[in-house]
Amino acid sequence: MLPPTLIGCSSKSYFSAAQARAWGPEVMAGVADDAAGPSGLFCCPSFPLIPTLLDSLGAAGGLVGAQDVSVYGPGSYTGEVSAAVLAELGCRFVMAGRPARRRIFGEDDQPVHRQALATAEAGMAPIIVVGEDVDGASAADALNAQFDRWLDGFPAGAELLVAYEPAWAIGRPQPAPPAHVAETIATVRDLIAQRDTAARVVYGGSAQPGTYRAIAAAAGEDVTGVPDGLFMARFGLDVANFLSIVREVREVAGQIGR
């Protein structure tokens, strides 16, 4: 079962080997006095840096994922990395459906679907990155389509992490409006409830200090609109930034009984 609160980041291709070696121990030092320690903290680095994060963050009780996975199993697929190898290494997550990969590398519904299935079948949790592409478009319509196409045939009872990241909010100075996020997170939970899966939901898309608190305030008494954590990109690669988010999320989550 995934931890009830999840706070993580994807390093994209920003991390050097030296930065990856430093990040895990520095994060662990920053949560050393926290009763929760590194529980629920995760990082998805590039393939060569996965063992580095497993040896630091992973060994201390945090979680490590991959940013990509082959749609094929073991075989003569030069340059590919199978889900079986990632699971054997100790990865807990694999990302699928990231807007940048869909835009830059042309990954449409079929590879995202196959990646999610391959990940789950290998015993890991896919991180499916869902959301509408255009500001003002219907988030509910986009989410319904993505759930139907990407999770068709998803194994019953398999773990899943849903990251709501509206593509139009990624890279902006501010995240999506808190009320919009809270409404959409509640929609994600409704979609999850229709499936036999052990799922968590987090928010991404220019997530920064104050984001989680603002979403919780916008949700009010309806805590179904409060995500289970935040998923960052470049902002989270700075340890001080990452730790500030950890403190905020844990404080607010504690206040609402998460």
C-alpha atoms as a PDB file:
ATOM      1  CA  MET A   1       0.000   0.000   0.000  1.00  0.00           C
ATOM      2  CA  LEU A   2       1.314   3.422  -0.927  1.00  0.00           C
ATOM      3  CA  PRO A   3       1.890   5.867   1.954  1.00  0.00           C
ATOM      4  CA  PRO A   4      -1.089   8.153   2.683  1.00  0.00           C
ATOM      5  CA  THR A   5       0.956  11.278   1.932  1.00  0.00           C
ATOM      6  CA  LEU A   6       3.334  11.472  -1.040  1.00  0.00           C
ATOM      7  CA  ILE A   7       5.731  14.295  -1.892  1.00  0.00           C
ATOM      8  CA  GLY A   8       8.122  13.871  -4.770  1.00  0.00           C
ATOM      9  CA  CYS A   9       9.849  15.232  -7.806  1.00  0.00           C
ATOM     10  CA  SER A  10      11.071  14.247 -11.230  1.00  0.00           C
ATOM     11  CA  SER A  11      14.596  15.396 -12.007  1.00  0.00           C
ATOM     12  CA  LYS A  12      13.893  15.249 -15.773  1.00  0.00           C
ATOM     13  CA  SER A  13      17.422  15.425 -17.223  1.00  0.00           C
ATOM     14  CA  TYR A  14      18.638  18.243 -14.962  1.00  0.00           C
ATOM     15  CA  PHE A  15      20.523  16.191 -12.352  1.00  0.00           C
ATOM     16  CA  SER A  16      24.199  15.514 -12.866  1.00  0.00           C
ATOM     17  CA  ALA A  17      25.630  12.408 -11.205  1.00  0.00           C
ATOM     18  CA  ALA A  18      27.163  14.599  -8.473  1.00  0.00           C
ATOM     19  CA  GLN A  19      23.869  16.373  -7.812  1.00  0.00           C
ATOM     20  CA  ALA A  20      22.033  13.060  -7.543  1.00  0.00           C
ATOM     21  CA  ARG A  21      24.600  11.755  -5.065  1.00  0.00           C
ATOM     22  CA  ALA A  22      24.114  14.842  -2.879  1.00  0.00           C
ATOM     23  CA  TRP A  23      20.330  15.206  -3.095  1.00  0.00           C
ATOM     24  CA  GLY A  24      19.274  12.043  -1.260  1.00  0.00           C
ATOM     25  CA  PRO A  25      21.524  12.417   1.817  1.00  0.00           C
ATOM     26  CA  GLU A  26      20.692  16.133   2.096  1.00  0.00           C
ATOM     27  CA  VAL A  27      16.948  15.423   2.008  1.00  0.00           C
ATOM     28  CA  MET A  28      17.358  12.700   4.638  1.00  0.00           C
ATOM     29  CA  ALA A  29      19.308  15.065   6.856  1.00  0.00           C
ATOM     30  CA  GLY A  30      16.527  17.616   6.488  1.00  0.00           C
ATOM     31  CA  VAL A  31      13.844  15.210   7.746  1.00  0.00           C
ATOM     32  CA  ALA A  32      15.988  13.540  10.416  1.00  0.00           C
ATOM     33  CA  ASP A  33      14.062  15.250  13.227  1.00  0.00           C
ATOM     34  CA  ASP A  34      10.668  14.602  11.640  1.00  0.00           C
ATOM     35  CA  ALA A  35       8.805  11.604  13.057  1.00  0.00           C
ATOM     36  CA  ALA A  36       7.766  10.613   9.521  1.00  0.00           C
ATOM     37  CA  GLY A  37      11.353  10.757   8.278  1.00  0.00           C
ATOM     38  CA  PRO A  38      11.598   9.998   4.539  1.00  0.00           C
ATOM     39  CA  SER A  39       8.319   8.031   4.435  1.00  0.00           C
ATOM     40  CA  GLY A  40       6.303   9.029   1.379  1.00  0.00           C
ATOM     41  CA  LEU A  41       9.122  11.054  -0.168  1.00  0.00           C
ATOM     42  CA  PHE A  42      10.084  10.035  -3.685  1.00  0.00           C
ATOM     43  CA  CYS A  43      12.245  10.978  -6.631  1.00  0.00           C
ATOM     44  CA  CYS A  44      12.115   9.882 -10.264  1.00  0.00           C
ATOM     45  CA  PRO A  45      15.592  10.452 -11.762  1.00  0.00           C
ATOM     46  CA  SER A  46      16.951   9.541 -15.192  1.00  0.00           C
ATOM     47  CA  PHE A  47      17.819   5.877 -15.749  1.00  0.00           C
ATOM     48  CA  PRO A  48      21.576   5.982 -14.916  1.00  0.00           C
ATOM     49  CA  LEU A  49      20.905   7.764 -11.609  1.00  0.00           C
ATOM     50  CA  ILE A  50      18.297   5.332 -10.268  1.00  0.00           C
ATOM     51  CA  PRO A  51      20.851   3.203  -8.331  1.00  0.00           C
ATOM     52  CA  THR A  52      22.279   6.364  -6.756  1.00  0.00           C
ATOM     53  CA  LEU A  53      18.887   7.395  -5.380  1.00  0.00           C
ATOM     54  CA  LEU A  54      18.091   3.826  -4.345  1.00  0.00           C
ATOM     55  CA  ASP A  55      21.299   3.722  -2.315  1.00  0.00           C
ATOM     56  CA  SER A  56      20.429   6.919  -0.464  1.00  0.00           C
ATOM     57  CA  LEU A  57      16.740   7.857  -0.401  1.00  0.00           C
ATOM     58  CA  GLY A  58      15.539   4.319  -1.089  1.00  0.00           C
ATOM     59  CA  ALA A  59      17.750   2.691   1.512  1.00  0.00           C
ATOM     60  CA  ALA A  60      16.434   5.100   4.178  1.00  0.00           C
ATOM     61  CA  GLY A  61      12.763   4.318   3.513  1.00  0.00           C
ATOM     62  CA  GLY A  62      11.950   6.760   0.725  1.00  0.00           C
ATOM     63  CA  LEU A  63      10.735   5.716  -2.719  1.00  0.00           C
ATOM     64  CA  VAL A  64      12.420   5.840  -6.110  1.00  0.00           C
ATOM     65  CA  GLY A  65      10.831   5.734  -9.539  1.00  0.00           C
ATOM     66  CA  ALA A  66      11.722   5.939 -13.211  1.00  0.00           C
ATOM     67  CA  GLN A  67      10.698   8.558 -15.747  1.00  0.00           C
ATOM     68  CA  ASP A  68      10.078   6.099 -18.564  1.00  0.00           C
ATOM     69  CA  VAL A  69       9.803   2.379 -19.335  1.00  0.00           C
ATOM     70  CA  SER A  70       9.802   0.205 -22.431  1.00  0.00           C
ATOM     71  CA  VAL A  71       6.481  -1.057 -23.721  1.00  0.00           C
ATOM     72  CA  TYR A  72       8.310  -4.335 -24.427  1.00  0.00           C
ATOM     73  CA  GLY A  73       9.495  -7.037 -22.076  1.00  0.00           C
ATOM     74  CA  PRO A  74      13.029  -8.441 -22.042  1.00  0.00           C
ATOM     75  CA  GLY A  75      14.305  -9.152 -25.548  1.00  0.00           C
ATOM     76  CA  SER A  76      16.214  -7.752 -28.494  1.00  0.00           C
ATOM     77  CA  TYR A  77      15.088  -4.161 -27.984  1.00  0.00           C
ATOM     78  CA  THR A  78      18.337  -2.213 -28.100  1.00  0.00           C
ATOM     79  CA  GLY A  79      18.366   0.835 -25.847  1.00  0.00           C
ATOM     80  CA  GLU A  80      15.132  -0.072 -24.057  1.00  0.00           C
ATOM     81  CA  VAL A  81      14.704  -0.576 -20.296  1.00  0.00           C
ATOM     82  CA  SER A  82      12.076  -3.121 -19.316  1.00  0.00           C
ATOM     83  CA  ALA A  83       9.693  -2.902 -16.384  1.00  0.00           C
ATOM     84  CA  ALA A  84      11.142  -6.176 -15.096  1.00  0.00           C
ATOM     85  CA  VAL A  85      14.608  -4.624 -14.732  1.00  0.00           C
ATOM     86  CA  LEU A  86      13.265  -1.510 -13.005  1.00  0.00           C
ATOM     87  CA  ALA A  87      11.311  -3.655 -10.539  1.00  0.00           C
ATOM     88  CA  GLU A  88      14.372  -5.836  -9.923  1.00  0.00           C
ATOM     89  CA  LEU A  89      16.438  -2.752  -9.110  1.00  0.00           C
ATOM     90  CA  GLY A  90      13.868  -1.670  -6.512  1.00  0.00           C
ATOM     91  CA  CYS A  91      11.852   1.044  -8.291  1.00  0.00           C
ATOM     92  CA  ARG A  92       8.391   1.646  -6.884  1.00  0.00           C
ATOM     93  CA  PHE A  93       7.047   3.996  -9.558  1.00  0.00           C
ATOM     94  CA  VAL A  94       7.222   4.584 -13.299  1.00  0.00           C
ATOM     95  CA  MET A  95       5.924   7.766 -14.907  1.00  0.00           C
ATOM     96  CA  ALA A  96       3.605   7.585 -17.937  1.00  0.00           C
ATOM     97  CA  GLY A  97       1.673  10.219 -19.855  1.00  0.00           C
ATOM     98  CA  ARG A  98       3.900  13.169 -19.067  1.00  0.00           C
ATOM     99  CA  PRO A  99       2.735  16.088 -21.282  1.00  0.00           C
ATOM    100  CA  ALA A 100       6.273  16.907 -22.447  1.00  0.00           C
ATOM    101  CA  ARG A 101       6.845  13.341 -23.658  1.00  0.00           C
ATOM    102  CA  ARG A 102       3.507  13.300 -25.420  1.00  0.00           C
ATOM    103  CA  ARG A 103       4.322  16.618 -27.094  1.00  0.00           C
ATOM    104  CA  ILE A 104       8.035  16.193 -27.880  1.00  0.00           C
ATOM    105  CA  PHE A 105       8.284  12.440 -28.483  1.00  0.00           C
ATOM    106  CA  GLY A 106       4.816  11.827 -29.865  1.00  0.00           C
ATOM    107  CA  GLU A 107       3.747   9.358 -27.181  1.00  0.00           C
ATOM    108  CA  ASP A 108       0.042   8.964 -27.798  1.00  0.00           C
ATOM    109  CA  ASP A 109      -2.529   6.936 -25.915  1.00  0.00           C
ATOM    110  CA  GLN A 110      -1.247   3.525 -27.013  1.00  0.00           C
ATOM    111  CA  PRO A 111       2.288   3.696 -25.543  1.00  0.00           C
ATOM    112  CA  VAL A 112       1.014   5.371 -22.369  1.00  0.00           C
ATOM    113  CA  HIS A 113      -1.515   2.552 -21.939  1.00  0.00           C
ATOM    114  CA  ARG A 114       1.122  -0.123 -22.563  1.00  0.00           C
ATOM    115  CA  GLN A 115       3.581   1.544 -20.173  1.00  0.00           C
ATOM    116  CA  ALA A 116       0.975   1.701 -17.397  1.00  0.00           C
ATOM    117  CA  LEU A 117       0.099  -1.977 -17.858  1.00  0.00           C
ATOM    118  CA  ALA A 118       3.745  -3.101 -18.045  1.00  0.00           C
ATOM    119  CA  THR A 119       4.524  -1.169 -14.867  1.00  0.00           C
ATOM    120  CA  ALA A 120       1.606  -2.622 -12.918  1.00  0.00           C
ATOM    121  CA  GLU A 121       2.245  -6.151 -14.147  1.00  0.00           C
ATOM    122  CA  ALA A 122       5.832  -5.860 -12.880  1.00  0.00           C
ATOM    123  CA  GLY A 123       4.529  -4.984  -9.408  1.00  0.00           C
ATOM    124  CA  MET A 124       5.239  -1.258  -9.515  1.00  0.00           C
ATOM    125  CA  ALA A 125       2.821   1.696  -9.429  1.00  0.00           C
ATOM    126  CA  PRO A 126       2.416   3.762 -12.587  1.00  0.00           C
ATOM    127  CA  ILE A 127       2.376   7.523 -12.104  1.00  0.00           C
ATOM    128  CA  ILE A 128      -0.101   8.566 -14.767  1.00  0.00           C
ATOM    129  CA  VAL A 129       0.117  12.289 -15.425  1.00  0.00           C
ATOM    130  CA  VAL A 130      -3.364  13.472 -16.344  1.00  0.00           C
ATOM    131  CA  GLY A 131      -4.933  16.817 -17.131  1.00  0.00           C
ATOM    132  CA  GLU A 132      -6.328  19.104 -19.769  1.00  0.00           C
ATOM    133  CA  ASP A 133      -3.986  20.688 -22.328  1.00  0.00           C
ATOM    134  CA  VAL A 134      -5.615  24.104 -22.679  1.00  0.00           C
ATOM    135  CA  ASP A 135      -6.623  26.612 -19.996  1.00  0.00           C
ATOM    136  CA  GLY A 136     -10.408  26.757 -19.918  1.00  0.00           C
ATOM    137  CA  ALA A 137     -10.920  23.299 -21.419  1.00  0.00           C
ATOM    138  CA  SER A 138     -12.996  20.767 -19.493  1.00  0.00           C
ATOM    139  CA  ALA A 139     -10.757  18.962 -17.021  1.00  0.00           C
ATOM    140  CA  ALA A 140     -13.478  16.348 -16.395  1.00  0.00           C
ATOM    141  CA  ASP A 141     -13.695  15.477 -20.100  1.00  0.00           C
ATOM    142  CA  ALA A 142      -9.913  15.169 -20.402  1.00  0.00           C
ATOM    143  CA  LEU A 143      -9.658  13.017 -17.286  1.00  0.00           C
ATOM    144  CA  ASN A 144     -12.464  10.692 -18.336  1.00  0.00           C
ATOM    145  CA  ALA A 145     -10.820  10.106 -21.713  1.00  0.00           C
ATOM    146  CA  GLN A 146      -7.370   9.563 -20.223  1.00  0.00           C
ATOM    147  CA  PHE A 147      -8.613   7.119 -17.568  1.00  0.00           C
ATOM    148  CA  ASP A 148     -10.560   5.137 -20.181  1.00  0.00           C
ATOM    149  CA  ARG A 149      -7.698   4.955 -22.679  1.00  0.00           C
ATOM    150  CA  TRP A 150      -4.714   4.595 -20.369  1.00  0.00           C
ATOM    151  CA  LEU A 151      -6.166   2.284 -17.727  1.00  0.00           C
ATOM    152  CA  ASP A 152      -8.151  -0.094 -19.907  1.00  0.00           C
ATOM    153  CA  GLY A 153      -7.489  -3.596 -18.570  1.00  0.00           C
ATOM    154  CA  PHE A 154      -5.522  -2.286 -15.591  1.00  0.00           C
ATOM    155  CA  PRO A 155      -4.960  -5.178 -13.138  1.00  0.00           C
ATOM    156  CA  ALA A 156      -7.476  -5.366 -10.307  1.00  0.00           C
ATOM    157  CA  GLY A 157      -6.039  -4.219  -6.991  1.00  0.00           C
ATOM    158  CA  ALA A 158      -2.860  -2.822  -8.543  1.00  0.00           C
ATOM    159  CA  GLU A 159      -1.322   0.323  -7.080  1.00  0.00           C
ATOM    160  CA  LEU A 160      -1.615   3.605  -8.962  1.00  0.00           C
ATOM    161  CA  LEU A 161      -0.490   7.175  -8.415  1.00  0.00           C
ATOM    162  CA  VAL A 162      -2.456   9.790 -10.349  1.00  0.00           C
ATOM    163  CA  ALA A 163      -0.704  13.117 -10.816  1.00  0.00           C
ATOM    164  CA  TYR A 164      -3.052  15.898 -11.900  1.00  0.00           C
ATOM    165  CA  GLU A 165      -0.934  18.302 -13.965  1.00  0.00           C
ATOM    166  CA  PRO A 166      -2.839  20.549 -16.361  1.00  0.00           C
ATOM    167  CA  ALA A 167      -0.405  20.985 -19.236  1.00  0.00           C
ATOM    168  CA  TRP A 168      -1.140  24.712 -19.459  1.00  0.00           C
ATOM    169  CA  ALA A 169       0.077  25.267 -15.863  1.00  0.00           C
ATOM    170  CA  ILE A 170       3.450  23.540 -16.274  1.00  0.00           C
ATOM    171  CA  GLY A 171       6.324  26.015 -16.267  1.00  0.00           C
ATOM    172  CA  ARG A 172       4.147  29.012 -15.370  1.00  0.00           C
ATOM    173  CA  PRO A 173       5.037  31.323 -12.483  1.00  0.00           C
ATOM    174  CA  GLN A 174       1.896  30.211 -10.628  1.00  0.00           C
ATOM    175  CA  PRO A 175       0.066  26.883 -10.399  1.00  0.00           C
ATOM    176  CA  ALA A 176      -3.517  26.397 -11.536  1.00  0.00           C
ATOM    177  CA  PRO A 177      -6.105  28.259  -9.393  1.00  0.00           C
ATOM    178  CA  PRO A 178      -6.642  26.419  -6.083  1.00  0.00           C
ATOM    179  CA  ALA A 179     -10.412  26.146  -6.502  1.00  0.00           C
ATOM    180  CA  HIS A 180      -9.955  24.571  -9.927  1.00  0.00           C
ATOM    181  CA  VAL A 181      -7.437  22.095  -8.557  1.00  0.00           C
ATOM    182  CA  ALA A 182      -9.658  21.135  -5.612  1.00  0.00           C
ATOM    183  CA  GLU A 183     -12.640  20.557  -7.907  1.00  0.00           C
ATOM    184  CA  THR A 184     -10.552  18.468 -10.301  1.00  0.00           C
ATOM    185  CA  ILE A 185      -8.912  16.401  -7.549  1.00  0.00           C
ATOM    186  CA  ALA A 186     -12.413  15.482  -6.360  1.00  0.00           C
ATOM    187  CA  THR A 187     -13.207  14.402  -9.928  1.00  0.00           C
ATOM    188  CA  VAL A 188     -10.068  12.249  -9.989  1.00  0.00           C
ATOM    189  CA  ARG A 189     -11.177  10.561  -6.771  1.00  0.00           C
ATOM    190  CA  ASP A 190     -14.588   9.826  -8.308  1.00  0.00           C
ATOM    191  CA  LEU A 191     -12.874   8.175 -11.284  1.00  0.00           C
ATOM    192  CA  ILE A 192     -10.596   6.184  -8.992  1.00  0.00           C
ATOM    193  CA  ALA A 193     -13.613   4.987  -6.977  1.00  0.00           C
ATOM    194  CA  GLN A 194     -15.034   3.406 -10.139  1.00  0.00           C
ATOM    195  CA  ARG A 195     -11.997   1.114 -10.433  1.00  0.00           C
ATOM    196  CA  ASP A 196     -10.564  -1.682  -8.344  1.00  0.00           C
ATOM    197  CA  THR A 197      -7.237  -0.026  -7.646  1.00  0.00           C
ATOM    198  CA  ALA A 198      -5.255   1.127  -4.630  1.00  0.00           C
ATOM    199  CA  ALA A 199      -4.658   4.695  -5.762  1.00  0.00           C
ATOM    200  CA  ARG A 200      -3.357   8.014  -4.469  1.00  0.00           C
ATOM    201  CA  VAL A 201      -3.638  11.409  -6.165  1.00  0.00           C
ATOM    202  CA  VAL A 202      -1.161  14.310  -6.121  1.00  0.00           C
ATOM    203  CA  TYR A 203      -1.027  17.721  -7.788  1.00  0.00           C
ATOM    204  CA  GLY A 204       1.766  18.967 -10.034  1.00  0.00           C
ATOM    205  CA  GLY A 205       2.147  21.880 -12.433  1.00  0.00           C
ATOM    206  CA  SER A 206       4.255  24.737 -11.021  1.00  0.00           C
ATOM    207  CA  ALA A 207       3.722  23.438  -7.473  1.00  0.00           C
ATOM    208  CA  GLN A 208       5.519  25.674  -4.967  1.00  0.00           C
ATOM    209  CA  PRO A 209       5.328  26.823  -1.322  1.00  0.00           C
ATOM    210  CA  GLY A 210       1.762  27.755  -0.454  1.00  0.00           C
ATOM    211  CA  THR A 211       0.228  25.598  -3.195  1.00  0.00           C
ATOM    212  CA  TYR A 212      -0.928  22.742  -0.991  1.00  0.00           C
ATOM    213  CA  ARG A 213      -2.234  25.027   1.739  1.00  0.00           C
ATOM    214  CA  ALA A 214      -4.191  27.065  -0.824  1.00  0.00           C
ATOM    215  CA  ILE A 215      -5.759  23.932  -2.361  1.00  0.00           C
ATOM    216  CA  ALA A 216      -6.804  22.686   1.085  1.00  0.00           C
ATOM    217  CA  ALA A 217      -8.324  26.084   1.899  1.00  0.00           C
ATOM    218  CA  ALA A 218     -10.228  26.117  -1.413  1.00  0.00           C
ATOM    219  CA  ALA A 219     -11.546  22.602  -0.774  1.00  0.00           C
ATOM    220  CA  GLY A 220     -12.904  23.649   2.625  1.00  0.00           C
ATOM    221  CA  GLU A 221     -14.790  20.892   4.422  1.00  0.00           C
ATOM    222  CA  ASP A 222     -14.820  18.688   1.319  1.00  0.00           C
ATOM    223  CA  VAL A 223     -11.445  17.018   1.871  1.00  0.00           C
ATOM    224  CA  THR A 224     -11.936  14.870  -1.238  1.00  0.00           C
ATOM    225  CA  GLY A 225     -10.634  17.928  -3.103  1.00  0.00           C
ATOM    226  CA  VAL A 226      -7.336  17.905  -1.204  1.00  0.00           C
ATOM    227  CA  PRO A 227      -4.602  15.887  -2.935  1.00  0.00           C
ATOM    228  CA  ASP A 228      -2.496  13.335  -1.091  1.00  0.00           C
ATOM    229  CA  GLY A 229       0.598  15.413  -1.787  1.00  0.00           C
ATOM    230  CA  LEU A 230       2.531  17.317  -4.432  1.00  0.00           C
ATOM    231  CA  PHE A 231       4.674  16.286  -7.395  1.00  0.00           C
ATOM    232  CA  MET A 232       7.371  18.757  -8.414  1.00  0.00           C
ATOM    233  CA  ALA A 233       9.890  19.040 -11.215  1.00  0.00           C
ATOM    234  CA  ARG A 234      12.809  21.485 -11.261  1.00  0.00           C
ATOM    235  CA  PHE A 235      11.609  23.353  -8.146  1.00  0.00           C
ATOM    236  CA  GLY A 236      12.018  20.223  -6.051  1.00  0.00           C
ATOM    237  CA  LEU A 237      15.602  19.602  -7.117  1.00  0.00           C
ATOM    238  CA  ASP A 238      16.745  22.329  -4.744  1.00  0.00           C
ATOM    239  CA  VAL A 239      16.829  20.593  -1.369  1.00  0.00           C
ATOM    240  CA  ALA A 240      15.700  23.668   0.589  1.00  0.00           C
ATOM    241  CA  ASN A 241      12.702  24.063  -1.736  1.00  0.00           C
ATOM    242  CA  PHE A 242      11.851  20.396  -1.497  1.00  0.00           C
ATOM    243  CA  LEU A 243      12.010  20.385   2.299  1.00  0.00           C
ATOM    244  CA  SER A 244       9.817  23.491   2.529  1.00  0.00           C
ATOM    245  CA  ILE A 245       7.140  21.648   0.550  1.00  0.00           C
ATOM    246  CA  VAL A 246       7.524  18.555   2.739  1.00  0.00           C
ATOM    247  CA  ARG A 247       6.941  20.604   5.897  1.00  0.00           C
ATOM    248  CA  GLU A 248       3.910  22.371   4.445  1.00  0.00           C
ATOM    249  CA  VAL A 249       2.235  19.252   3.077  1.00  0.00           C
ATOM    250  CA  ARG A 250       2.777  17.268   6.261  1.00  0.00           C
ATOM    251  CA  GLU A 251       1.488  20.101   8.439  1.00  0.00           C
ATOM    252  CA  VAL A 252      -1.686  20.670   6.396  1.00  0.00           C
ATOM    253  CA  ALA A 253      -2.300  16.944   5.877  1.00  0.00           C
ATOM    254  CA  GLY A 254      -2.082  16.456   9.632  1.00  0.00           C
ATOM    255  CA  GLN A 255      -4.624  19.206  10.202  1.00  0.00           C
ATOM    256  CA  ILE A 256      -7.199  17.505   7.969  1.00  0.00           C
ATOM    257  CA  GLY A 257      -6.506  14.038   9.373  1.00  0.00           C
ATOM    258  CA  ARG A 258      -4.507  12.586   6.511  1.00  0.00           C
END
